[in-house]
Amino acid sequence: MNTLDEHLDDPISDFSRRLVDVDGVVKTVYVAGTGPAVVVMPEMPGISPDVLRLARWVRDAGLTVHVPSLFGRDGAHPTTEDGERIVRRTCVSAEFRAFAGGGTSPVTAWLRGLARQAHAECGGPGVGAIGLCFTGNFALTMALEPAVIAPVVNHPSLPLDDPAGLELGDEDARAVKERVARDGLTVLAYRFDNDRWCTGQRFAAYRALLGDAFDGRVLPGGVANTDPPPFFRDVVASPHSVVTAHLVDEEGHPTLRARDEILAYLTERLKPQGD
């Protein structure tokens, strides 16, 4: 890694680093803040500085953010070479179902366990979950855990080979649909209109499954950050990460409004009456 990339890495020094055991499987989780819990999952190729910026915004909204390490090098600036290597390795991992026909990724069972533990520790009415890119749909699958009451699905990219797929097994899809209807949940989702990894077909499939409970919001790709990290420039190669790599941190910008909408959605559900 060159000096510039090292300079752009995030040391994650303002989070506590925990080893979390769910049914005998131990993963690193970075935790910060106070109040009800929100699980912020990384996007490919890992817990980047932009993912951590989003996590800090969640923390600063009065919530306890939990960022699980699922792939990649934690805090690393997303380079092209490292990103391509991590994508290849993750796509063949037994924990993930990157392609059509694979059903639900097994790692989501661990994430539901993390949500249970976080709720028990942090209290409040429930837990929020933010999925991003490779983990986008995981926020919806986590709703199979009763503690999860505020799922945010950002630019979900799986399955990679089926633009209308949802990365859900049939049984899990039925269970998610029943949970959302039974408990009156709303699923908030974002994508850019010209995202080649998360297309209108995918959002249409979500709406077919969830009906009016799916609140899918689409931003024009022309507003995306034009100078994202190298992995997003060279490999993703289209507007994609609405509130991370392609966010423009300027007051009134559509991507920053999307961030504010997500924070409002979480606080309204997790901190009722301004608690």
C-alpha atoms as a PDB file:
ATOM      1  CA  MET A   1       0.000   0.000   0.000  1.00  0.00           C
ATOM      2  CA  ASN A   2       1.402   3.428  -0.878  1.00  0.00           C
ATOM      3  CA  THR A   3       1.821   6.360   1.492  1.00  0.00           C
ATOM      4  CA  LEU A   4      -1.265   8.167   0.176  1.00  0.00           C
ATOM      5  CA  ASP A   5      -3.512   5.167   0.882  1.00  0.00           C
ATOM      6  CA  GLU A   6      -2.051   4.803   4.387  1.00  0.00           C
ATOM      7  CA  HIS A   7      -2.771   8.474   5.027  1.00  0.00           C
ATOM      8  CA  LEU A   8      -6.399   7.960   3.974  1.00  0.00           C
ATOM      9  CA  ASP A   9      -6.978   4.914   6.189  1.00  0.00           C
ATOM     10  CA  ASP A  10      -9.195   5.400   9.259  1.00  0.00           C
ATOM     11  CA  PRO A  11      -7.676   4.211  12.567  1.00  0.00           C
ATOM     12  CA  ILE A  12     -11.173   3.709  14.099  1.00  0.00           C
ATOM     13  CA  SER A  13      -9.743   5.018  17.357  1.00  0.00           C
ATOM     14  CA  ASP A  14     -13.029   6.532  18.577  1.00  0.00           C
ATOM     15  CA  PHE A  15     -14.833   3.157  18.625  1.00  0.00           C
ATOM     16  CA  SER A  16     -14.449   0.333  21.112  1.00  0.00           C
ATOM     17  CA  ARG A  17     -13.353  -2.917  19.499  1.00  0.00           C
ATOM     18  CA  ARG A  18     -15.246  -5.982  20.680  1.00  0.00           C
ATOM     19  CA  LEU A  19     -15.194  -9.674  19.888  1.00  0.00           C
ATOM     20  CA  VAL A  20     -18.826 -10.772  19.644  1.00  0.00           C
ATOM     21  CA  ASP A  21     -19.746 -14.448  19.925  1.00  0.00           C
ATOM     22  CA  VAL A  22     -22.980 -15.610  18.306  1.00  0.00           C
ATOM     23  CA  ASP A  23     -23.525 -19.366  18.565  1.00  0.00           C
ATOM     24  CA  GLY A  24     -19.799 -20.010  18.682  1.00  0.00           C
ATOM     25  CA  VAL A  25     -18.897 -17.755  15.744  1.00  0.00           C
ATOM     26  CA  VAL A  26     -16.760 -14.788  16.805  1.00  0.00           C
ATOM     27  CA  LYS A  27     -16.449 -11.575  14.788  1.00  0.00           C
ATOM     28  CA  THR A  28     -15.016  -8.146  15.479  1.00  0.00           C
ATOM     29  CA  VAL A  29     -17.553  -5.370  16.027  1.00  0.00           C
ATOM     30  CA  TYR A  30     -16.767  -1.660  16.428  1.00  0.00           C
ATOM     31  CA  VAL A  31     -19.116   0.098  18.860  1.00  0.00           C
ATOM     32  CA  ALA A  32     -19.646   3.774  19.702  1.00  0.00           C
ATOM     33  CA  GLY A  33     -22.319   6.034  21.158  1.00  0.00           C
ATOM     34  CA  THR A  34     -25.235   5.761  23.565  1.00  0.00           C
ATOM     35  CA  GLY A  35     -28.936   5.031  23.175  1.00  0.00           C
ATOM     36  CA  PRO A  36     -30.752   2.348  21.176  1.00  0.00           C
ATOM     37  CA  ALA A  37     -28.645   0.202  18.853  1.00  0.00           C
ATOM     38  CA  VAL A  38     -28.132   0.431  15.096  1.00  0.00           C
ATOM     39  CA  VAL A  39     -26.125  -2.151  13.158  1.00  0.00           C
ATOM     40  CA  VAL A  40     -24.276  -0.495  10.246  1.00  0.00           C
ATOM     41  CA  MET A  41     -22.950  -3.174   7.916  1.00  0.00           C
ATOM     42  CA  PRO A  42     -19.958  -2.536   5.659  1.00  0.00           C
ATOM     43  CA  GLU A  43     -20.127  -2.235   1.920  1.00  0.00           C
ATOM     44  CA  MET A  44     -17.637  -3.829  -0.434  1.00  0.00           C
ATOM     45  CA  PRO A  45     -14.663  -3.849  -0.001  1.00  0.00           C
ATOM     46  CA  GLY A  46     -14.996  -3.423   3.797  1.00  0.00           C
ATOM     47  CA  ILE A  47     -15.330  -0.970   6.672  1.00  0.00           C
ATOM     48  CA  SER A  48     -14.055   2.012   4.703  1.00  0.00           C
ATOM     49  CA  PRO A  49     -13.574   5.570   5.999  1.00  0.00           C
ATOM     50  CA  ASP A  50     -16.853   6.503   4.259  1.00  0.00           C
ATOM     51  CA  VAL A  51     -18.741   3.698   6.056  1.00  0.00           C
ATOM     52  CA  LEU A  52     -17.246   4.919   9.324  1.00  0.00           C
ATOM     53  CA  ARG A  53     -18.326   8.492   8.519  1.00  0.00           C
ATOM     54  CA  LEU A  54     -21.902   7.219   8.188  1.00  0.00           C
ATOM     55  CA  ALA A  55     -21.540   5.275  11.439  1.00  0.00           C
ATOM     56  CA  ARG A  56     -20.366   8.408  13.231  1.00  0.00           C
ATOM     57  CA  TRP A  57     -23.386  10.314  11.951  1.00  0.00           C
ATOM     58  CA  VAL A  58     -25.605   7.580  13.399  1.00  0.00           C
ATOM     59  CA  ARG A  59     -23.702   7.788  16.686  1.00  0.00           C
ATOM     60  CA  ASP A  60     -24.027  11.566  16.781  1.00  0.00           C
ATOM     61  CA  ALA A  61     -27.793  11.233  16.299  1.00  0.00           C
ATOM     62  CA  GLY A  62     -27.958   9.729  19.801  1.00  0.00           C
ATOM     63  CA  LEU A  63     -27.726   6.038  18.947  1.00  0.00           C
ATOM     64  CA  THR A  64     -25.270   3.236  19.703  1.00  0.00           C
ATOM     65  CA  VAL A  65     -23.713   2.142  16.452  1.00  0.00           C
ATOM     66  CA  HIS A  66     -22.385  -1.385  15.928  1.00  0.00           C
ATOM     67  CA  VAL A  67     -20.190  -1.943  12.846  1.00  0.00           C
ATOM     68  CA  PRO A  68     -19.398  -5.644  12.287  1.00  0.00           C
ATOM     69  CA  SER A  69     -16.279  -6.658  10.371  1.00  0.00           C
ATOM     70  CA  LEU A  70     -17.492  -9.035   7.643  1.00  0.00           C
ATOM     71  CA  PHE A  71     -14.799  -8.745   4.941  1.00  0.00           C
ATOM     72  CA  GLY A  72     -11.794  -6.655   3.973  1.00  0.00           C
ATOM     73  CA  ARG A  73      -9.325  -4.739   6.128  1.00  0.00           C
ATOM     74  CA  ASP A  74     -11.027  -2.580   8.728  1.00  0.00           C
ATOM     75  CA  GLY A  75     -10.589   1.157   8.161  1.00  0.00           C
ATOM     76  CA  ALA A  76      -8.829   0.742   4.811  1.00  0.00           C
ATOM     77  CA  HIS A  77      -9.166   3.244   1.981  1.00  0.00           C
ATOM     78  CA  PRO A  78     -10.847   1.313  -0.901  1.00  0.00           C
ATOM     79  CA  THR A  79      -8.141   0.755  -3.503  1.00  0.00           C
ATOM     80  CA  THR A  80      -8.780  -0.971  -6.808  1.00  0.00           C
ATOM     81  CA  GLU A  81      -6.334  -3.868  -6.328  1.00  0.00           C
ATOM     82  CA  ASP A  82      -7.376  -4.683  -2.761  1.00  0.00           C
ATOM     83  CA  GLY A  83     -11.057  -4.266  -3.603  1.00  0.00           C
ATOM     84  CA  GLU A  84     -10.941  -6.693  -6.519  1.00  0.00           C
ATOM     85  CA  ARG A  85      -9.152  -9.277  -4.368  1.00  0.00           C
ATOM     86  CA  ILE A  86     -11.690  -8.933  -1.547  1.00  0.00           C
ATOM     87  CA  VAL A  87     -14.647  -9.221  -3.937  1.00  0.00           C
ATOM     88  CA  ARG A  88     -13.265 -12.449  -5.408  1.00  0.00           C
ATOM     89  CA  ARG A  89     -12.632 -13.960  -1.990  1.00  0.00           C
ATOM     90  CA  THR A  90     -15.988 -12.926  -0.523  1.00  0.00           C
ATOM     91  CA  CYS A  91     -18.004 -14.160  -3.483  1.00  0.00           C
ATOM     92  CA  VAL A  92     -16.808 -17.729  -2.852  1.00  0.00           C
ATOM     93  CA  SER A  93     -17.105 -17.551   0.939  1.00  0.00           C
ATOM     94  CA  ALA A  94     -19.562 -19.985   2.517  1.00  0.00           C
ATOM     95  CA  GLU A  95     -21.014 -17.071   4.536  1.00  0.00           C
ATOM     96  CA  PHE A  96     -22.342 -15.235   1.477  1.00  0.00           C
ATOM     97  CA  ARG A  97     -24.647 -15.999  -1.436  1.00  0.00           C
ATOM     98  CA  ALA A  98     -23.440 -13.609  -4.111  1.00  0.00           C
ATOM     99  CA  PHE A  99     -25.215 -15.186  -7.095  1.00  0.00           C
ATOM    100  CA  ALA A 100     -28.746 -16.084  -8.114  1.00  0.00           C
ATOM    101  CA  GLY A 101     -30.138 -19.344  -6.790  1.00  0.00           C
ATOM    102  CA  GLY A 102     -28.023 -19.282  -3.651  1.00  0.00           C
ATOM    103  CA  GLY A 103     -30.802 -18.124  -1.339  1.00  0.00           C
ATOM    104  CA  THR A 104     -30.204 -16.178   1.850  1.00  0.00           C
ATOM    105  CA  SER A 105     -26.603 -15.532   2.943  1.00  0.00           C
ATOM    106  CA  PRO A 106     -25.816 -17.592   6.085  1.00  0.00           C
ATOM    107  CA  VAL A 107     -24.001 -14.621   7.684  1.00  0.00           C
ATOM    108  CA  THR A 108     -27.394 -12.974   8.248  1.00  0.00           C
ATOM    109  CA  ALA A 109     -28.117 -15.471  11.039  1.00  0.00           C
ATOM    110  CA  TRP A 110     -25.024 -14.167  12.849  1.00  0.00           C
ATOM    111  CA  LEU A 111     -26.141 -10.576  12.233  1.00  0.00           C
ATOM    112  CA  ARG A 112     -29.552 -11.312  13.755  1.00  0.00           C
ATOM    113  CA  GLY A 113     -27.756 -12.637  16.825  1.00  0.00           C
ATOM    114  CA  LEU A 114     -25.721  -9.437  16.993  1.00  0.00           C
ATOM    115  CA  ALA A 115     -28.978  -7.445  16.876  1.00  0.00           C
ATOM    116  CA  ARG A 116     -30.414  -9.493  19.757  1.00  0.00           C
ATOM    117  CA  GLN A 117     -27.345  -8.899  21.889  1.00  0.00           C
ATOM    118  CA  ALA A 118     -27.230  -5.191  21.025  1.00  0.00           C
ATOM    119  CA  HIS A 119     -30.897  -4.749  21.932  1.00  0.00           C
ATOM    120  CA  ALA A 120     -30.411  -6.513  25.262  1.00  0.00           C
ATOM    121  CA  GLU A 121     -27.495  -4.221  26.075  1.00  0.00           C
ATOM    122  CA  CYS A 122     -28.777  -0.893  24.705  1.00  0.00           C
ATOM    123  CA  GLY A 123     -32.512  -1.170  25.362  1.00  0.00           C
ATOM    124  CA  GLY A 124     -35.109   0.949  23.625  1.00  0.00           C
ATOM    125  CA  PRO A 125     -37.996  -0.298  21.491  1.00  0.00           C
ATOM    126  CA  GLY A 126     -35.749  -2.138  19.062  1.00  0.00           C
ATOM    127  CA  VAL A 127     -32.737  -2.084  16.764  1.00  0.00           C
ATOM    128  CA  GLY A 128     -32.027  -0.371  13.447  1.00  0.00           C
ATOM    129  CA  ALA A 129     -30.108  -2.041  10.627  1.00  0.00           C
ATOM    130  CA  ILE A 130     -28.376  -0.320   7.706  1.00  0.00           C
ATOM    131  CA  GLY A 131     -27.206  -2.488   4.821  1.00  0.00           C
ATOM    132  CA  LEU A 132     -24.908  -1.141   2.124  1.00  0.00           C
ATOM    133  CA  CYS A 133     -24.165  -2.559  -1.330  1.00  0.00           C
ATOM    134  CA  PHE A 134     -23.067  -6.195  -0.818  1.00  0.00           C
ATOM    135  CA  THR A 135     -24.854  -6.178   2.552  1.00  0.00           C
ATOM    136  CA  GLY A 136     -27.773  -4.032   1.391  1.00  0.00           C
ATOM    137  CA  ASN A 137     -30.421  -6.730   1.538  1.00  0.00           C
ATOM    138  CA  PHE A 138     -29.078  -8.059   4.839  1.00  0.00           C
ATOM    139  CA  ALA A 139     -30.932  -5.247   6.619  1.00  0.00           C
ATOM    140  CA  LEU A 140     -34.204  -6.728   5.356  1.00  0.00           C
ATOM    141  CA  THR A 141     -33.260 -10.302   6.247  1.00  0.00           C
ATOM    142  CA  MET A 142     -32.337  -9.113   9.735  1.00  0.00           C
ATOM    143  CA  ALA A 143     -36.006  -8.189  10.196  1.00  0.00           C
ATOM    144  CA  LEU A 144     -36.571 -11.900  10.810  1.00  0.00           C
ATOM    145  CA  GLU A 145     -35.214 -11.008  14.264  1.00  0.00           C
ATOM    146  CA  PRO A 146     -38.080  -9.402  16.250  1.00  0.00           C
ATOM    147  CA  ALA A 147     -35.719  -6.828  17.802  1.00  0.00           C
ATOM    148  CA  VAL A 148     -35.051  -5.276  14.378  1.00  0.00           C
ATOM    149  CA  ILE A 149     -37.692  -2.616  13.738  1.00  0.00           C
ATOM    150  CA  ALA A 150     -35.955  -0.116  11.424  1.00  0.00           C
ATOM    151  CA  PRO A 151     -34.357  -1.717   8.334  1.00  0.00           C
ATOM    152  CA  VAL A 152     -32.598   0.524   5.797  1.00  0.00           C
ATOM    153  CA  VAL A 153     -31.677  -1.117   2.498  1.00  0.00           C
ATOM    154  CA  ASN A 154     -29.086   0.942   0.600  1.00  0.00           C
ATOM    155  CA  HIS A 155     -28.228   0.129  -3.050  1.00  0.00           C
ATOM    156  CA  PRO A 156     -28.450  -3.680  -2.546  1.00  0.00           C
ATOM    157  CA  SER A 157     -26.213  -5.397  -5.113  1.00  0.00           C
ATOM    158  CA  LEU A 158     -26.884  -9.117  -4.523  1.00  0.00           C
ATOM    159  CA  PRO A 159     -27.355 -11.352  -6.382  1.00  0.00           C
ATOM    160  CA  LEU A 160     -24.690  -9.966  -8.696  1.00  0.00           C
ATOM    161  CA  ASP A 161     -25.930 -11.912 -11.729  1.00  0.00           C
ATOM    162  CA  ASP A 162     -29.678 -11.203 -11.420  1.00  0.00           C
ATOM    163  CA  PRO A 163     -30.789  -7.544 -11.477  1.00  0.00           C
ATOM    164  CA  ALA A 164     -34.294  -8.556 -10.344  1.00  0.00           C
ATOM    165  CA  GLY A 165     -33.124 -10.862  -7.557  1.00  0.00           C
ATOM    166  CA  LEU A 166     -33.440 -10.244  -3.814  1.00  0.00           C
ATOM    167  CA  GLU A 167     -30.840 -12.587  -2.251  1.00  0.00           C
ATOM    168  CA  LEU A 168     -33.579 -14.302  -0.245  1.00  0.00           C
ATOM    169  CA  GLY A 169     -34.611 -17.910  -0.054  1.00  0.00           C
ATOM    170  CA  ASP A 170     -38.335 -18.531  -0.661  1.00  0.00           C
ATOM    171  CA  GLU A 171     -39.069 -19.423   2.959  1.00  0.00           C
ATOM    172  CA  ASP A 172     -37.233 -16.366   4.270  1.00  0.00           C
ATOM    173  CA  ALA A 173     -38.989 -14.127   1.742  1.00  0.00           C
ATOM    174  CA  ARG A 174     -42.375 -15.319   2.989  1.00  0.00           C
ATOM    175  CA  ALA A 175     -41.324 -14.876   6.603  1.00  0.00           C
ATOM    176  CA  VAL A 176     -40.026 -11.342   5.981  1.00  0.00           C
ATOM    177  CA  LYS A 177     -43.248 -10.397   4.180  1.00  0.00           C
ATOM    178  CA  GLU A 178     -45.321 -11.731   7.099  1.00  0.00           C
ATOM    179  CA  ARG A 179     -43.162  -9.949   9.704  1.00  0.00           C
ATOM    180  CA  VAL A 180     -43.359  -6.618   7.901  1.00  0.00           C
ATOM    181  CA  ALA A 181     -47.141  -6.871   7.520  1.00  0.00           C
ATOM    182  CA  ARG A 182     -47.768  -8.164  11.045  1.00  0.00           C
ATOM    183  CA  ASP A 183     -45.742  -5.482  12.808  1.00  0.00           C
ATOM    184  CA  GLY A 184     -46.386  -2.616  10.406  1.00  0.00           C
ATOM    185  CA  LEU A 185     -42.726  -2.113   9.531  1.00  0.00           C
ATOM    186  CA  THR A 186     -41.573   0.213   6.774  1.00  0.00           C
ATOM    187  CA  VAL A 187     -38.446  -0.659   4.807  1.00  0.00           C
ATOM    188  CA  LEU A 188     -36.519   2.430   3.690  1.00  0.00           C
ATOM    189  CA  ALA A 189     -34.330   2.006   0.600  1.00  0.00           C
ATOM    190  CA  TYR A 190     -32.131   4.126  -1.677  1.00  0.00           C
ATOM    191  CA  ARG A 191     -30.413   3.851  -5.042  1.00  0.00           C
ATOM    192  CA  PHE A 192     -29.275   6.024  -7.940  1.00  0.00           C
ATOM    193  CA  ASP A 193     -31.360   5.824 -11.110  1.00  0.00           C
ATOM    194  CA  ASN A 194     -28.415   4.726 -13.283  1.00  0.00           C
ATOM    195  CA  ASP A 195     -26.787   2.325 -10.829  1.00  0.00           C
ATOM    196  CA  ARG A 196     -25.741  -0.748 -12.788  1.00  0.00           C
ATOM    197  CA  TRP A 197     -25.517  -2.879  -9.630  1.00  0.00           C
ATOM    198  CA  CYS A 198     -28.883  -1.951  -8.124  1.00  0.00           C
ATOM    199  CA  THR A 199     -31.407  -1.408 -10.894  1.00  0.00           C
ATOM    200  CA  GLY A 200     -35.047  -0.471 -11.083  1.00  0.00           C
ATOM    201  CA  GLN A 201     -35.790  -4.182 -11.549  1.00  0.00           C
ATOM    202  CA  ARG A 202     -34.480  -4.899  -8.062  1.00  0.00           C
ATOM    203  CA  PHE A 203     -36.576  -2.171  -6.466  1.00  0.00           C
ATOM    204  CA  ALA A 204     -39.601  -3.450  -8.382  1.00  0.00           C
ATOM    205  CA  ALA A 205     -38.982  -6.908  -6.920  1.00  0.00           C
ATOM    206  CA  TYR A 206     -38.868  -5.449  -3.405  1.00  0.00           C
ATOM    207  CA  ARG A 207     -42.147  -3.652  -4.002  1.00  0.00           C
ATOM    208  CA  ALA A 208     -43.719  -6.849  -5.362  1.00  0.00           C
ATOM    209  CA  LEU A 209     -42.740  -8.630  -2.154  1.00  0.00           C
ATOM    210  CA  LEU A 210     -43.501  -5.902   0.385  1.00  0.00           C
ATOM    211  CA  GLY A 211     -46.088  -3.653  -1.278  1.00  0.00           C
ATOM    212  CA  ASP A 212     -46.505  -0.208   0.249  1.00  0.00           C
ATOM    213  CA  ALA A 213     -44.227  -1.171   3.138  1.00  0.00           C
ATOM    214  CA  PHE A 214     -41.302  -0.715   0.731  1.00  0.00           C
ATOM    215  CA  ASP A 215     -40.290   2.953   0.632  1.00  0.00           C
ATOM    216  CA  GLY A 216     -37.828   2.955  -2.260  1.00  0.00           C
ATOM    217  CA  ARG A 217     -36.292   6.333  -3.038  1.00  0.00           C
ATOM    218  CA  VAL A 218     -34.341   6.994  -6.227  1.00  0.00           C
ATOM    219  CA  LEU A 219     -31.821   9.792  -6.729  1.00  0.00           C
ATOM    220  CA  PRO A 220     -30.558  11.007 -10.129  1.00  0.00           C
ATOM    221  CA  GLY A 221     -27.149   9.559 -10.817  1.00  0.00           C
ATOM    222  CA  GLY A 222     -25.956  12.939 -12.000  1.00  0.00           C
ATOM    223  CA  VAL A 223     -25.758  14.170  -8.404  1.00  0.00           C
ATOM    224  CA  ALA A 224     -23.325  11.449  -7.276  1.00  0.00           C
ATOM    225  CA  ASN A 225     -19.837  12.333  -6.085  1.00  0.00           C
ATOM    226  CA  THR A 226     -17.622  12.354  -9.181  1.00  0.00           C
ATOM    227  CA  ASP A 227     -14.389  11.689  -7.255  1.00  0.00           C
ATOM    228  CA  PRO A 228     -14.981   8.543  -5.169  1.00  0.00           C
ATOM    229  CA  PRO A 229     -12.187   6.248  -3.907  1.00  0.00           C
ATOM    230  CA  PRO A 230     -10.398   4.171  -6.585  1.00  0.00           C
ATOM    231  CA  PHE A 231     -12.420   0.964  -6.045  1.00  0.00           C
ATOM    232  CA  PHE A 232     -15.662   2.812  -6.744  1.00  0.00           C
ATOM    233  CA  ARG A 233     -14.186   4.688  -9.686  1.00  0.00           C
ATOM    234  CA  ASP A 234     -12.588   1.669 -11.397  1.00  0.00           C
ATOM    235  CA  VAL A 235     -14.585  -1.398 -10.320  1.00  0.00           C
ATOM    236  CA  VAL A 236     -18.061  -0.176  -9.365  1.00  0.00           C
ATOM    237  CA  ALA A 237     -17.829   2.318 -12.230  1.00  0.00           C
ATOM    238  CA  SER A 238     -21.283   3.866 -11.820  1.00  0.00           C
ATOM    239  CA  PRO A 239     -23.135   5.969  -9.261  1.00  0.00           C
ATOM    240  CA  HIS A 240     -23.884   3.515  -6.453  1.00  0.00           C
ATOM    241  CA  SER A 241     -23.184   4.367  -2.806  1.00  0.00           C
ATOM    242  CA  VAL A 242     -25.752   7.041  -1.970  1.00  0.00           C
ATOM    243  CA  VAL A 243     -24.692   7.801   1.611  1.00  0.00           C
ATOM    244  CA  THR A 244     -21.055   6.687   1.575  1.00  0.00           C
ATOM    245  CA  ALA A 245     -18.595   6.800  -1.337  1.00  0.00           C
ATOM    246  CA  HIS A 246     -20.873   8.777  -3.672  1.00  0.00           C
ATOM    247  CA  LEU A 247     -22.246  11.172  -1.041  1.00  0.00           C
ATOM    248  CA  VAL A 248     -21.493  14.878  -1.478  1.00  0.00           C
ATOM    249  CA  ASP A 249     -21.141  16.466   1.954  1.00  0.00           C
ATOM    250  CA  GLU A 250     -22.646  19.842   1.092  1.00  0.00           C
ATOM    251  CA  GLU A 251     -25.665  21.428   2.724  1.00  0.00           C
ATOM    252  CA  GLY A 252     -28.822  20.913   0.668  1.00  0.00           C
ATOM    253  CA  HIS A 253     -27.249  18.257  -1.571  1.00  0.00           C
ATOM    254  CA  PRO A 254     -29.621  15.368  -2.446  1.00  0.00           C
ATOM    255  CA  THR A 255     -27.278  12.736  -1.036  1.00  0.00           C
ATOM    256  CA  LEU A 256     -26.939  14.624   2.239  1.00  0.00           C
ATOM    257  CA  ARG A 257     -30.726  14.928   2.408  1.00  0.00           C
ATOM    258  CA  ALA A 258     -30.867  11.142   1.982  1.00  0.00           C
ATOM    259  CA  ARG A 259     -28.544  10.794   4.966  1.00  0.00           C
ATOM    260  CA  ASP A 260     -30.775  13.111   6.992  1.00  0.00           C
ATOM    261  CA  GLU A 261     -33.860  11.091   6.006  1.00  0.00           C
ATOM    262  CA  ILE A 262     -32.178   7.887   7.185  1.00  0.00           C
ATOM    263  CA  LEU A 263     -31.193   9.439  10.511  1.00  0.00           C
ATOM    264  CA  ALA A 264     -34.741  10.767  10.992  1.00  0.00           C
ATOM    265  CA  TYR A 265     -36.215   7.344  10.149  1.00  0.00           C
ATOM    266  CA  LEU A 266     -33.974   5.679  12.731  1.00  0.00           C
ATOM    267  CA  THR A 267     -34.522   8.197  15.513  1.00  0.00           C
ATOM    268  CA  GLU A 268     -38.297   8.302  15.020  1.00  0.00           C
ATOM    269  CA  ARG A 269     -38.530   4.531  15.418  1.00  0.00           C
ATOM    270  CA  LEU A 270     -35.833   3.944  18.005  1.00  0.00           C
ATOM    271  CA  LYS A 271     -36.228   7.095  20.134  1.00  0.00           C
ATOM    272  CA  PRO A 272     -39.999   7.756  20.258  1.00  0.00           C
ATOM    273  CA  GLN A 273     -41.200  11.092  21.705  1.00  0.00           C
ATOM    274  CA  GLY A 274     -37.643  12.327  21.667  1.00  0.00           C
ATOM    275  CA  ASP A 275     -36.491   9.874  24.328  1.00  0.00           C
END
